[in-house]
Amino acid sequence: MNRLMCFTAVEFPDDPNVAGIKYWYACKFDTAEVGDVVVAPLGRHNHLQAGVIREVRWADDFDAPYPVHLIKNIKELIKAKEEL
């Protein structure tokens, strides 16, 4: 059985240097959804930074939205609060 990988496009709206740009990450959290907050490494120095998931895509590694050997991993998932 071939298991699909979860990939998430993350935006870092609080960082003026990269606001408006989406970065693709591999995500080990099966419950990741658009709007959830994540902590992920950003930039050459891989500083951990909070960002927002803008897109979730399930795909095989050969069909990943970014080359798998270059992609970074989400470190923490913080679920978005549901509206009452």
PDB file of N, CA and C in Angstrom:
ATOM      1  N   MET A   1       0.837  -1.197   0.000  1.00  0.00           N
ATOM      2  CA  MET A   1       0.000   0.000   0.000  1.00  0.00           C
ATOM      3  C   MET A   1       0.876   1.252   0.000  1.00  0.00           C
ATOM      4  N   ASN A   2       0.538   2.173  -0.844  1.00  0.00           N
ATOM      5  CA  ASN A   2       1.289   3.407  -0.969  1.00  0.00           C
ATOM      6  C   ASN A   2       0.617   4.486  -0.130  1.00  0.00           C
ATOM      7  N   ARG A   3       1.334   5.048   0.818  1.00  0.00           N
ATOM      8  CA  ARG A   3       0.768   6.065   1.706  1.00  0.00           C
ATOM      9  C   ARG A   3       1.121   7.456   1.186  1.00  0.00           C
ATOM     10  N   LEU A   4       0.110   8.293   1.056  1.00  0.00           N
ATOM     11  CA  LEU A   4       0.319   9.664   0.601  1.00  0.00           C
ATOM     12  C   LEU A   4       0.934  10.500   1.716  1.00  0.00           C
ATOM     13  N   MET A   5       1.708  11.498   1.318  1.00  0.00           N
ATOM     14  CA  MET A   5       2.300  12.429   2.275  1.00  0.00           C
ATOM     15  C   MET A   5       1.463  13.703   2.316  1.00  0.00           C
ATOM     16  N   CYS A   6       1.467  14.350   3.471  1.00  0.00           N
ATOM     17  CA  CYS A   6       0.767  15.621   3.631  1.00  0.00           C
ATOM     18  C   CYS A   6       1.755  16.762   3.408  1.00  0.00           C
ATOM     19  N   PHE A   7       1.390  17.671   2.521  1.00  0.00           N
ATOM     20  CA  PHE A   7       2.180  18.869   2.267  1.00  0.00           C
ATOM     21  C   PHE A   7       1.313  20.086   2.562  1.00  0.00           C
ATOM     22  N   THR A   8       1.900  21.099   3.172  1.00  0.00           N
ATOM     23  CA  THR A   8       1.141  22.298   3.509  1.00  0.00           C
ATOM     24  C   THR A   8       1.857  23.537   2.970  1.00  0.00           C
ATOM     25  N   ALA A   9       1.080  24.435   2.392  1.00  0.00           N
ATOM     26  CA  ALA A   9       1.599  25.733   1.975  1.00  0.00           C
ATOM     27  C   ALA A   9       1.366  26.682   3.147  1.00  0.00           C
ATOM     28  N   VAL A  10       2.449  27.255   3.652  1.00  0.00           N
ATOM     29  CA  VAL A  10       2.387  28.098   4.850  1.00  0.00           C
ATOM     30  C   VAL A  10       2.783  29.523   4.496  1.00  0.00           C
ATOM     31  N   GLU A  11       2.020  30.463   5.047  1.00  0.00           N
ATOM     32  CA  GLU A  11       2.331  31.890   4.905  1.00  0.00           C
ATOM     33  C   GLU A  11       2.704  32.432   6.277  1.00  0.00           C
ATOM     34  N   PHE A  12       3.649  33.339   6.305  1.00  0.00           N
ATOM     35  CA  PHE A  12       4.106  33.958   7.554  1.00  0.00           C
ATOM     36  C   PHE A  12       3.709  35.433   7.526  1.00  0.00           C
ATOM     37  N   PRO A  13       2.434  35.733   7.815  1.00  0.00           N
ATOM     38  CA  PRO A  13       1.928  37.106   7.648  1.00  0.00           C
ATOM     39  C   PRO A  13       2.530  38.130   8.614  1.00  0.00           C
ATOM     40  N   ASP A  14       3.106  37.670   9.731  1.00  0.00           N
ATOM     41  CA  ASP A  14       3.670  38.609  10.706  1.00  0.00           C
ATOM     42  C   ASP A  14       5.115  38.996  10.392  1.00  0.00           C
ATOM     43  N   ASP A  15       5.703  38.370   9.383  1.00  0.00           N
ATOM     44  CA  ASP A  15       7.074  38.684   8.996  1.00  0.00           C
ATOM     45  C   ASP A  15       7.037  39.533   7.721  1.00  0.00           C
ATOM     46  N   PRO A  16       7.328  40.822   7.819  1.00  0.00           N
ATOM     47  CA  PRO A  16       7.226  41.701   6.648  1.00  0.00           C
ATOM     48  C   PRO A  16       8.175  41.319   5.516  1.00  0.00           C
ATOM     49  N   ASN A  17       9.223  40.573   5.810  1.00  0.00           N
ATOM     50  CA  ASN A  17      10.180  40.169   4.775  1.00  0.00           C
ATOM     51  C   ASN A  17       9.618  39.106   3.836  1.00  0.00           C
ATOM     52  N   VAL A  18       8.650  38.322   4.320  1.00  0.00           N
ATOM     53  CA  VAL A  18       8.116  37.222   3.502  1.00  0.00           C
ATOM     54  C   VAL A  18       6.587  37.212   3.455  1.00  0.00           C
ATOM     55  N   ALA A  19       5.939  38.245   3.973  1.00  0.00           N
ATOM     56  CA  ALA A  19       4.474  38.295   3.978  1.00  0.00           C
ATOM     57  C   ALA A  19       3.952  38.191   2.545  1.00  0.00           C
ATOM     58  N   GLY A  20       2.926  37.370   2.375  1.00  0.00           N
ATOM     59  CA  GLY A  20       2.330  37.199   1.065  1.00  0.00           C
ATOM     60  C   GLY A  20       2.952  36.081   0.235  1.00  0.00           C
ATOM     61  N   ILE A  21       4.007  35.454   0.748  1.00  0.00           N
ATOM     62  CA  ILE A  21       4.663  34.352   0.037  1.00  0.00           C
ATOM     63  C   ILE A  21       4.309  33.049   0.747  1.00  0.00           C
ATOM     64  N   LYS A  22       3.960  32.008  -0.042  1.00  0.00           N
ATOM     65  CA  LYS A  22       3.658  30.702   0.528  1.00  0.00           C
ATOM     66  C   LYS A  22       4.872  29.787   0.369  1.00  0.00           C
ATOM     67  N   TYR A  23       5.187  29.066   1.434  1.00  0.00           N
ATOM     68  CA  TYR A  23       6.284  28.107   1.441  1.00  0.00           C
ATOM     69  C   TYR A  23       5.718  26.709   1.694  1.00  0.00           C
ATOM     70  N   TRP A  24       6.186  25.717   0.940  1.00  0.00           N
ATOM     71  CA  TRP A  24       5.707  24.345   1.088  1.00  0.00           C
ATOM     72  C   TRP A  24       6.525  23.596   2.115  1.00  0.00           C
ATOM     73  N   TYR A  25       5.806  22.846   2.967  1.00  0.00           N
ATOM     74  CA  TYR A  25       6.417  22.025   4.006  1.00  0.00           C
ATOM     75  C   TYR A  25       5.785  20.643   4.002  1.00  0.00           C
ATOM     76  N   ALA A  26       6.563  19.659   4.428  1.00  0.00           N
ATOM     77  CA  ALA A  26       6.005  18.343   4.707  1.00  0.00           C
ATOM     78  C   ALA A  26       5.401  18.423   6.104  1.00  0.00           C
ATOM     79  N   CYS A  27       4.282  17.739   6.301  1.00  0.00           N
ATOM     80  CA  CYS A  27       3.573  17.825   7.582  1.00  0.00           C
ATOM     81  C   CYS A  27       3.237  16.423   8.077  1.00  0.00           C
ATOM     82  N   LYS A  28       3.745  16.065   9.258  1.00  0.00           N
ATOM     83  CA  LYS A  28       3.483  14.744   9.829  1.00  0.00           C
ATOM     84  C   LYS A  28       2.147  14.690  10.569  1.00  0.00           C
ATOM     85  N   PHE A  29       1.470  15.810  10.679  1.00  0.00           N
ATOM     86  CA  PHE A  29       0.208  15.881  11.407  1.00  0.00           C
ATOM     87  C   PHE A  29      -0.960  15.657  10.443  1.00  0.00           C
ATOM     88  N   ASP A  30      -1.658  14.538  10.606  1.00  0.00           N
ATOM     89  CA  ASP A  30      -2.759  14.179   9.695  1.00  0.00           C
ATOM     90  C   ASP A  30      -3.965  15.098   9.809  1.00  0.00           C
ATOM     91  N   THR A  31      -4.062  15.848  10.892  1.00  0.00           N
ATOM     92  CA  THR A  31      -5.243  16.691  11.116  1.00  0.00           C
ATOM     93  C   THR A  31      -5.038  18.135  10.660  1.00  0.00           C
ATOM     94  N   ALA A  32      -3.947  18.415   9.961  1.00  0.00           N
ATOM     95  CA  ALA A  32      -3.665  19.782   9.502  1.00  0.00           C
ATOM     96  C   ALA A  32      -4.745  20.257   8.539  1.00  0.00           C
ATOM     97  N   GLU A  33      -5.209  21.490   8.769  1.00  0.00           N
ATOM     98  CA  GLU A  33      -6.242  22.087   7.933  1.00  0.00           C
ATOM     99  C   GLU A  33      -5.890  23.540   7.624  1.00  0.00           C
ATOM    100  N   VAL A  34      -6.473  24.060   6.568  1.00  0.00           N
ATOM    101  CA  VAL A  34      -6.304  25.470   6.227  1.00  0.00           C
ATOM    102  C   VAL A  34      -6.758  26.316   7.416  1.00  0.00           C
ATOM    103  N   GLY A  35      -5.954  27.294   7.785  1.00  0.00           N
ATOM    104  CA  GLY A  35      -6.271  28.180   8.901  1.00  0.00           C
ATOM    105  C   GLY A  35      -5.557  27.814  10.189  1.00  0.00           C
ATOM    106  N   ASP A  36      -5.043  26.580  10.280  1.00  0.00           N
ATOM    107  CA  ASP A  36      -4.295  26.188  11.472  1.00  0.00           C
ATOM    108  C   ASP A  36      -2.972  26.939  11.521  1.00  0.00           C
ATOM    109  N   VAL A  37      -2.478  27.172  12.718  1.00  0.00           N
ATOM    110  CA  VAL A  37      -1.183  27.808  12.921  1.00  0.00           C
ATOM    111  C   VAL A  37      -0.140  26.704  13.088  1.00  0.00           C
ATOM    112  N   VAL A  38       1.026  26.921  12.507  1.00  0.00           N
ATOM    113  CA  VAL A  38       2.119  25.960  12.630  1.00  0.00           C
ATOM    114  C   VAL A  38       3.391  26.680  13.044  1.00  0.00           C
ATOM    115  N   VAL A  39       4.325  25.914  13.580  1.00  0.00           N
ATOM    116  CA  VAL A  39       5.667  26.412  13.837  1.00  0.00           C
ATOM    117  C   VAL A  39       6.573  25.668  12.864  1.00  0.00           C
ATOM    118  N   ALA A  40       7.339  26.420  12.082  1.00  0.00           N
ATOM    119  CA  ALA A  40       8.152  25.821  11.033  1.00  0.00           C
ATOM    120  C   ALA A  40       9.469  26.583  10.875  1.00  0.00           C
ATOM    121  N   PRO A  41      10.514  25.893  10.400  1.00  0.00           N
ATOM    122  CA  PRO A  41      11.788  26.563  10.143  1.00  0.00           C
ATOM    123  C   PRO A  41      11.680  27.435   8.889  1.00  0.00           C
ATOM    124  N   LEU A  42      12.252  28.609   8.962  1.00  0.00           N
ATOM    125  CA  LEU A  42      12.165  29.544   7.838  1.00  0.00           C
ATOM    126  C   LEU A  42      13.544  30.105   7.528  1.00  0.00           C
ATOM    127  N   GLY A  43      13.856  30.195   6.261  1.00  0.00           N
ATOM    128  CA  GLY A  43      15.097  30.816   5.818  1.00  0.00           C
ATOM    129  C   GLY A  43      16.311  29.910   5.903  1.00  0.00           C
ATOM    130  N   ARG A  44      17.446  30.479   5.519  1.00  0.00           N
ATOM    131  CA  ARG A  44      18.712  29.730   5.516  1.00  0.00           C
ATOM    132  C   ARG A  44      19.107  29.227   6.891  1.00  0.00           C
ATOM    133  N   HIS A  45      18.754  29.981   7.925  1.00  0.00           N
ATOM    134  CA  HIS A  45      19.178  29.635   9.277  1.00  0.00           C
ATOM    135  C   HIS A  45      18.125  28.817  10.026  1.00  0.00           C
ATOM    136  N   ASN A  46      17.016  28.530   9.355  1.00  0.00           N
ATOM    137  CA  ASN A  46      15.956  27.677   9.915  1.00  0.00           C
ATOM    138  C   ASN A  46      15.436  28.144  11.266  1.00  0.00           C
ATOM    139  N   HIS A  47      15.282  29.450  11.412  1.00  0.00           N
ATOM    140  CA  HIS A  47      14.686  29.981  12.640  1.00  0.00           C
ATOM    141  C   HIS A  47      13.228  29.542  12.696  1.00  0.00           C
ATOM    142  N   LEU A  48      12.802  29.026  13.840  1.00  0.00           N
ATOM    143  CA  LEU A  48      11.406  28.602  13.977  1.00  0.00           C
ATOM    144  C   LEU A  48      10.513  29.822  14.073  1.00  0.00           C
ATOM    145  N   GLN A  49       9.434  29.777  13.299  1.00  0.00           N
ATOM    146  CA  GLN A  49       8.536  30.920  13.219  1.00  0.00           C
ATOM    147  C   GLN A  49       7.103  30.419  13.071  1.00  0.00           C
ATOM    148  N   ALA A  50       6.153  31.175  13.618  1.00  0.00           N
ATOM    149  CA  ALA A  50       4.736  30.817  13.488  1.00  0.00           C
ATOM    150  C   ALA A  50       4.206  31.281  12.135  1.00  0.00           C
ATOM    151  N   GLY A  51       3.428  30.404  11.508  1.00  0.00           N
ATOM    152  CA  GLY A  51       2.808  30.728  10.230  1.00  0.00           C
ATOM    153  C   GLY A  51       1.411  30.139  10.174  1.00  0.00           C
ATOM    154  N   VAL A  52       0.704  30.404   9.089  1.00  0.00           N
ATOM    155  CA  VAL A  52      -0.670  29.957   8.917  1.00  0.00           C
ATOM    156  C   VAL A  52      -0.746  29.063   7.674  1.00  0.00           C
ATOM    157  N   ILE A  53      -1.418  27.918   7.804  1.00  0.00           N
ATOM    158  CA  ILE A  53      -1.595  27.032   6.662  1.00  0.00           C
ATOM    159  C   ILE A  53      -2.602  27.657   5.702  1.00  0.00           C
ATOM    160  N   ARG A  54      -2.205  27.797   4.440  1.00  0.00           N
ATOM    161  CA  ARG A  54      -3.076  28.356   3.404  1.00  0.00           C
ATOM    162  C   ARG A  54      -3.592  27.293   2.435  1.00  0.00           C
ATOM    163  N   GLU A  55      -2.884  26.132   2.373  1.00  0.00           N
ATOM    164  CA  GLU A  55      -3.303  25.057   1.477  1.00  0.00           C
ATOM    165  C   GLU A  55      -2.755  23.741   2.017  1.00  0.00           C
ATOM    166  N   VAL A  56      -3.540  22.672   1.885  1.00  0.00           N
ATOM    167  CA  VAL A  56      -3.112  21.322   2.259  1.00  0.00           C
ATOM    168  C   VAL A  56      -3.240  20.446   1.022  1.00  0.00           C
ATOM    169  N   ARG A  57      -2.198  19.682   0.751  1.00  0.00           N
ATOM    170  CA  ARG A  57      -2.207  18.793  -0.417  1.00  0.00           C
ATOM    171  C   ARG A  57      -1.654  17.430  -0.003  1.00  0.00           C
ATOM    172  N   TRP A  58      -2.367  16.373  -0.354  1.00  0.00           N
ATOM    173  CA  TRP A  58      -1.920  15.005  -0.131  1.00  0.00           C
ATOM    174  C   TRP A  58      -1.400  14.474  -1.454  1.00  0.00           C
ATOM    175  N   ALA A  59      -0.156  13.961  -1.451  1.00  0.00           N
ATOM    176  CA  ALA A  59       0.447  13.497  -2.702  1.00  0.00           C
ATOM    177  C   ALA A  59       1.544  12.479  -2.417  1.00  0.00           C
ATOM    178  N   ASP A  60       1.887  11.712  -3.443  1.00  0.00           N
ATOM    179  CA  ASP A  60       3.059  10.851  -3.372  1.00  0.00           C
ATOM    180  C   ASP A  60       4.299  11.736  -3.399  1.00  0.00           C
ATOM    181  N   ASP A  61       5.415  11.208  -2.916  1.00  0.00           N
ATOM    182  CA  ASP A  61       6.631  12.016  -2.886  1.00  0.00           C
ATOM    183  C   ASP A  61       7.080  12.455  -4.281  1.00  0.00           C
ATOM    184  N   PHE A  62       6.831  11.631  -5.310  1.00  0.00           N
ATOM    185  CA  PHE A  62       7.230  12.010  -6.666  1.00  0.00           C
ATOM    186  C   PHE A  62       6.323  13.080  -7.268  1.00  0.00           C
ATOM    187  N   ASP A  63       5.182  13.336  -6.634  1.00  0.00           N
ATOM    188  CA  ASP A  63       4.233  14.336  -7.120  1.00  0.00           C
ATOM    189  C   ASP A  63       4.112  15.500  -6.129  1.00  0.00           C
ATOM    190  N   ALA A  64       5.122  15.682  -5.309  1.00  0.00           N
ATOM    191  CA  ALA A  64       5.116  16.726  -4.284  1.00  0.00           C
ATOM    192  C   ALA A  64       5.133  18.115  -4.925  1.00  0.00           C
ATOM    193  N   PRO A  65       4.582  19.119  -4.238  1.00  0.00           N
ATOM    194  CA  PRO A  65       4.552  20.475  -4.794  1.00  0.00           C
ATOM    195  C   PRO A  65       5.926  21.160  -4.777  1.00  0.00           C
ATOM    196  N   TYR A  66       6.896  20.532  -4.127  1.00  0.00           N
ATOM    197  CA  TYR A  66       8.254  21.062  -4.018  1.00  0.00           C
ATOM    198  C   TYR A  66       9.174  19.848  -3.924  1.00  0.00           C
ATOM    199  N   PRO A  67      10.405  19.891  -4.430  1.00  0.00           N
ATOM    200  CA  PRO A  67      11.275  18.717  -4.379  1.00  0.00           C
ATOM    201  C   PRO A  67      11.442  18.190  -2.947  1.00  0.00           C
ATOM    202  N   VAL A  68      11.134  16.913  -2.756  1.00  0.00           N
ATOM    203  CA  VAL A  68      11.113  16.313  -1.419  1.00  0.00           C
ATOM    204  C   VAL A  68      12.478  16.396  -0.735  1.00  0.00           C
ATOM    205  N   HIS A  69      13.552  16.284  -1.491  1.00  0.00           N
ATOM    206  CA  HIS A  69      14.879  16.318  -0.861  1.00  0.00           C
ATOM    207  C   HIS A  69      15.242  17.724  -0.353  1.00  0.00           C
ATOM    208  N   LEU A  70      14.483  18.725  -0.709  1.00  0.00           N
ATOM    209  CA  LEU A  70      14.732  20.094  -0.254  1.00  0.00           C
ATOM    210  C   LEU A  70      13.684  20.601   0.737  1.00  0.00           C
ATOM    211  N   ILE A  71      12.589  19.880   0.861  1.00  0.00           N
ATOM    212  CA  ILE A  71      11.472  20.386   1.654  1.00  0.00           C
ATOM    213  C   ILE A  71      11.754  20.248   3.155  1.00  0.00           C
ATOM    214  N   LYS A  72      11.291  21.234   3.907  1.00  0.00           N
ATOM    215  CA  LYS A  72      11.447  21.228   5.364  1.00  0.00           C
ATOM    216  C   LYS A  72      10.168  20.689   6.000  1.00  0.00           C
ATOM    217  N   ASN A  73      10.234  20.420   7.296  1.00  0.00           N
ATOM    218  CA  ASN A  73       9.115  19.811   8.018  1.00  0.00           C
ATOM    219  C   ASN A  73       8.492  20.759   9.032  1.00  0.00           C
ATOM    220  N   ILE A  74       7.179  20.688   9.139  1.00  0.00           N
ATOM    221  CA  ILE A  74       6.450  21.404  10.191  1.00  0.00           C
ATOM    222  C   ILE A  74       6.884  20.813  11.533  1.00  0.00           C
ATOM    223  N   LYS A  75       7.161  21.653  12.492  1.00  0.00           N
ATOM    224  CA  LYS A  75       7.601  21.190  13.810  1.00  0.00           C
ATOM    225  C   LYS A  75       6.456  21.063  14.809  1.00  0.00           C
ATOM    226  N   GLU A  76       5.453  21.938  14.686  1.00  0.00           N
ATOM    227  CA  GLU A  76       4.344  21.939  15.650  1.00  0.00           C
ATOM    228  C   GLU A  76       3.082  22.422  14.953  1.00  0.00           C
ATOM    229  N   LEU A  77       1.957  21.819  15.336  1.00  0.00           N
ATOM    230  CA  LEU A  77       0.649  22.208  14.784  1.00  0.00           C
ATOM    231  C   LEU A  77      -0.214  22.747  15.912  1.00  0.00           C
ATOM    232  N   ILE A  78      -0.795  23.917  15.699  1.00  0.00           N
ATOM    233  CA  ILE A  78      -1.700  24.530  16.674  1.00  0.00           C
ATOM    234  C   ILE A  78      -3.038  24.696  15.952  1.00  0.00           C
ATOM    235  N   LYS A  79      -4.015  23.904  16.355  1.00  0.00           N
ATOM    236  CA  LYS A  79      -5.311  23.910  15.678  1.00  0.00           C
ATOM    237  C   LYS A  79      -6.002  25.264  15.823  1.00  0.00           C
ATOM    238  N   ALA A  80      -6.643  25.682  14.728  1.00  0.00           N
ATOM    239  CA  ALA A  80      -7.414  26.930  14.761  1.00  0.00           C
ATOM    240  C   ALA A  80      -8.615  26.721  15.672  1.00  0.00           C
ATOM    241  N   LYS A  81      -8.974  27.739  16.389  1.00  0.00           N
ATOM    242  CA  LYS A  81     -10.145  27.647  17.274  1.00  0.00           C
ATOM    243  C   LYS A  81     -11.403  27.693  16.442  1.00  0.00           C
ATOM    244  N   GLU A  82     -12.329  26.830  16.788  1.00  0.00           N
ATOM    245  CA  GLU A  82     -13.591  26.799  16.068  1.00  0.00           C
ATOM    246  C   GLU A  82     -14.500  27.908  16.560  1.00  0.00           C
ATOM    247  N   GLU A  83     -15.232  28.490  15.620  1.00  0.00           N
ATOM    248  CA  GLU A  83     -16.185  29.547  15.946  1.00  0.00           C
ATOM    249  C   GLU A  83     -17.401  28.935  16.632  1.00  0.00           C
ATOM    250  N   LEU A  84     -17.936  29.625  17.603  1.00  0.00           N
ATOM    251  CA  LEU A  84     -19.150  29.144  18.289  1.00  0.00           C
ATOM    252  C   LEU A  84     -20.395  29.678  17.631  1.00  0.00           C
TER     253      LEU A  84
END
